[in-house]
Amino acid sequence: MLSSVFRNLLENAVQHNDEETPEITVRCVDGEETVRVRIADNGPGVPDEQKAEIFGKGESGLGSSGSGIGLYLVNTLTDQFGGDVWVEDNDPKGAVFVVELRKAA
């Protein structure tokens, strides 16, 4: 099911991108106890007031034709793995979705 987390985030990064040429960057940060996967795009980004709400069931962003289930699924699955997910601003434009998971013992 972990593949569903990353599939949803990668599909969203492309589908909700308003640039002629979408750019997606995936980076992994290996910490002592956790691993963070950062999926960054050059799209319109996520307004600050929507950053927490977009992970709720049935929530979709402005102008989104989606059902609002994808990011809810991402949040639910990440939580079931004992991890966390959040969104940050990308510089100079876009969003960065961060998935943090605990390393296996």
Protein backbone atom coordinates (compact mmCIF):
# COMPACT_ATOMS: atom_id res chain seq x y z
CA MET A 1 0.00 0.00 0.00
CA LEU A 2 2.97 2.31 0.41
CA SER A 3 3.19 2.55 -3.39
CA SER A 4 -0.30 4.16 -3.36
CA VAL A 5 1.07 6.99 -1.24
CA PHE A 6 3.76 7.90 -3.75
CA ARG A 7 1.62 7.21 -6.83
CA ASN A 8 -1.03 9.66 -5.55
CA LEU A 9 1.53 12.34 -4.75
CA LEU A 10 3.32 11.99 -8.09
CA GLU A 11 0.07 11.98 -10.08
CA ASN A 12 -1.13 15.08 -8.22
CA ALA A 13 2.16 16.86 -8.91
CA VAL A 14 1.58 16.41 -12.64
CA GLN A 15 -2.22 16.72 -12.86
CA HIS A 16 -2.47 19.92 -10.82
CA ASN A 17 0.52 21.61 -12.45
CA ASP A 18 -0.27 24.70 -14.51
CA GLU A 19 3.13 24.99 -16.20
CA GLU A 20 3.68 24.11 -19.85
CA THR A 21 6.47 21.80 -18.73
CA PRO A 22 5.81 20.32 -15.28
CA GLU A 23 8.95 19.66 -13.24
CA ILE A 24 8.86 17.11 -10.45
CA THR A 25 11.81 16.43 -8.15
CA VAL A 26 11.95 13.52 -5.72
CA ARG A 27 14.51 13.54 -2.94
CA CYS A 28 15.11 11.21 -0.04
CA VAL A 29 16.63 12.40 3.23
CA ASP A 30 17.98 9.54 5.32
CA GLY A 31 17.93 10.39 9.03
CA GLU A 32 18.92 8.30 12.04
CA GLU A 33 15.40 7.11 12.85
CA THR A 34 13.33 8.32 9.90
CA VAL A 35 13.38 8.69 6.15
CA ARG A 36 11.82 11.72 4.48
CA VAL A 37 10.73 11.62 0.87
CA ARG A 38 10.22 15.09 -0.62
CA ILE A 39 8.19 15.43 -3.83
CA ALA A 40 8.53 18.96 -5.19
CA ASP A 41 6.80 20.52 -8.19
CA ASN A 42 6.74 23.84 -10.03
CA GLY A 43 2.94 24.15 -10.07
CA PRO A 44 0.70 26.73 -8.39
CA GLY A 45 1.43 25.55 -4.85
CA VAL A 46 -1.00 25.23 -1.97
CA PRO A 47 -2.27 28.33 -0.15
CA ASP A 48 -1.30 28.41 3.54
CA GLU A 49 -4.95 28.32 4.65
CA GLN A 50 -5.48 25.03 2.77
CA LYS A 51 -2.30 23.18 3.76
CA ALA A 52 -3.89 21.22 6.64
CA GLU A 53 -7.34 20.91 5.08
CA ILE A 54 -6.29 19.21 1.83
CA PHE A 55 -5.63 15.94 3.66
CA GLY A 56 -9.24 15.74 4.88
CA LYS A 57 -11.72 13.30 3.35
CA GLY A 58 -13.49 14.84 0.36
CA GLU A 59 -11.33 17.98 0.34
CA SER A 60 -10.03 19.22 -2.99
CA GLY A 61 -8.10 22.31 -3.93
CA LEU A 62 -9.37 25.32 -5.82
CA GLY A 63 -10.18 24.42 -9.40
CA SER A 64 -9.55 20.74 -8.76
CA SER A 65 -11.73 18.24 -10.56
CA GLY A 66 -10.60 15.48 -8.18
CA SER A 67 -12.72 13.67 -5.63
CA GLY A 68 -10.62 14.74 -2.65
CA ILE A 69 -9.90 11.12 -1.78
CA GLY A 70 -6.27 10.93 -2.99
CA LEU A 71 -4.60 13.06 -0.33
CA TYR A 72 -6.92 11.66 2.33
CA LEU A 73 -5.68 8.19 1.31
CA VAL A 74 -2.07 9.43 1.42
CA ASN A 75 -2.60 10.77 4.94
CA THR A 76 -4.42 7.66 6.17
CA LEU A 77 -1.86 5.21 4.79
CA THR A 78 1.10 7.25 6.01
CA ASP A 79 -0.47 7.35 9.47
CA GLN A 80 -0.98 3.56 9.40
CA PHE A 81 2.74 3.16 8.72
CA GLY A 82 3.47 5.32 11.79
CA GLY A 83 4.56 8.26 9.65
CA ASP A 84 3.46 11.75 8.77
CA VAL A 85 2.78 13.79 5.63
CA TRP A 86 2.61 17.54 5.12
CA VAL A 87 2.97 20.15 2.41
CA GLU A 88 5.42 23.05 2.24
CA ASP A 89 6.07 25.87 -0.21
CA ASN A 90 8.61 25.23 -2.96
CA ASP A 91 11.04 28.00 -3.88
CA PRO A 92 10.45 29.89 -6.10
CA LYS A 93 7.11 28.29 -7.04
CA GLY A 94 5.10 25.18 -6.34
CA ALA A 95 4.59 22.73 -3.53
CA VAL A 96 6.67 20.13 -1.71
CA PHE A 97 4.86 17.15 -0.25
CA VAL A 98 6.91 15.53 2.49
CA VAL A 99 6.37 11.96 3.65
CA GLU A 100 8.23 10.99 6.82
CA LEU A 101 8.42 7.32 7.79
CA ARG A 102 10.12 5.58 10.67
CA LYS A 103 12.89 3.19 9.73
CA ALA A 104 12.26 -0.50 10.35
CA ALA A 105 14.05 -1.95 13.35
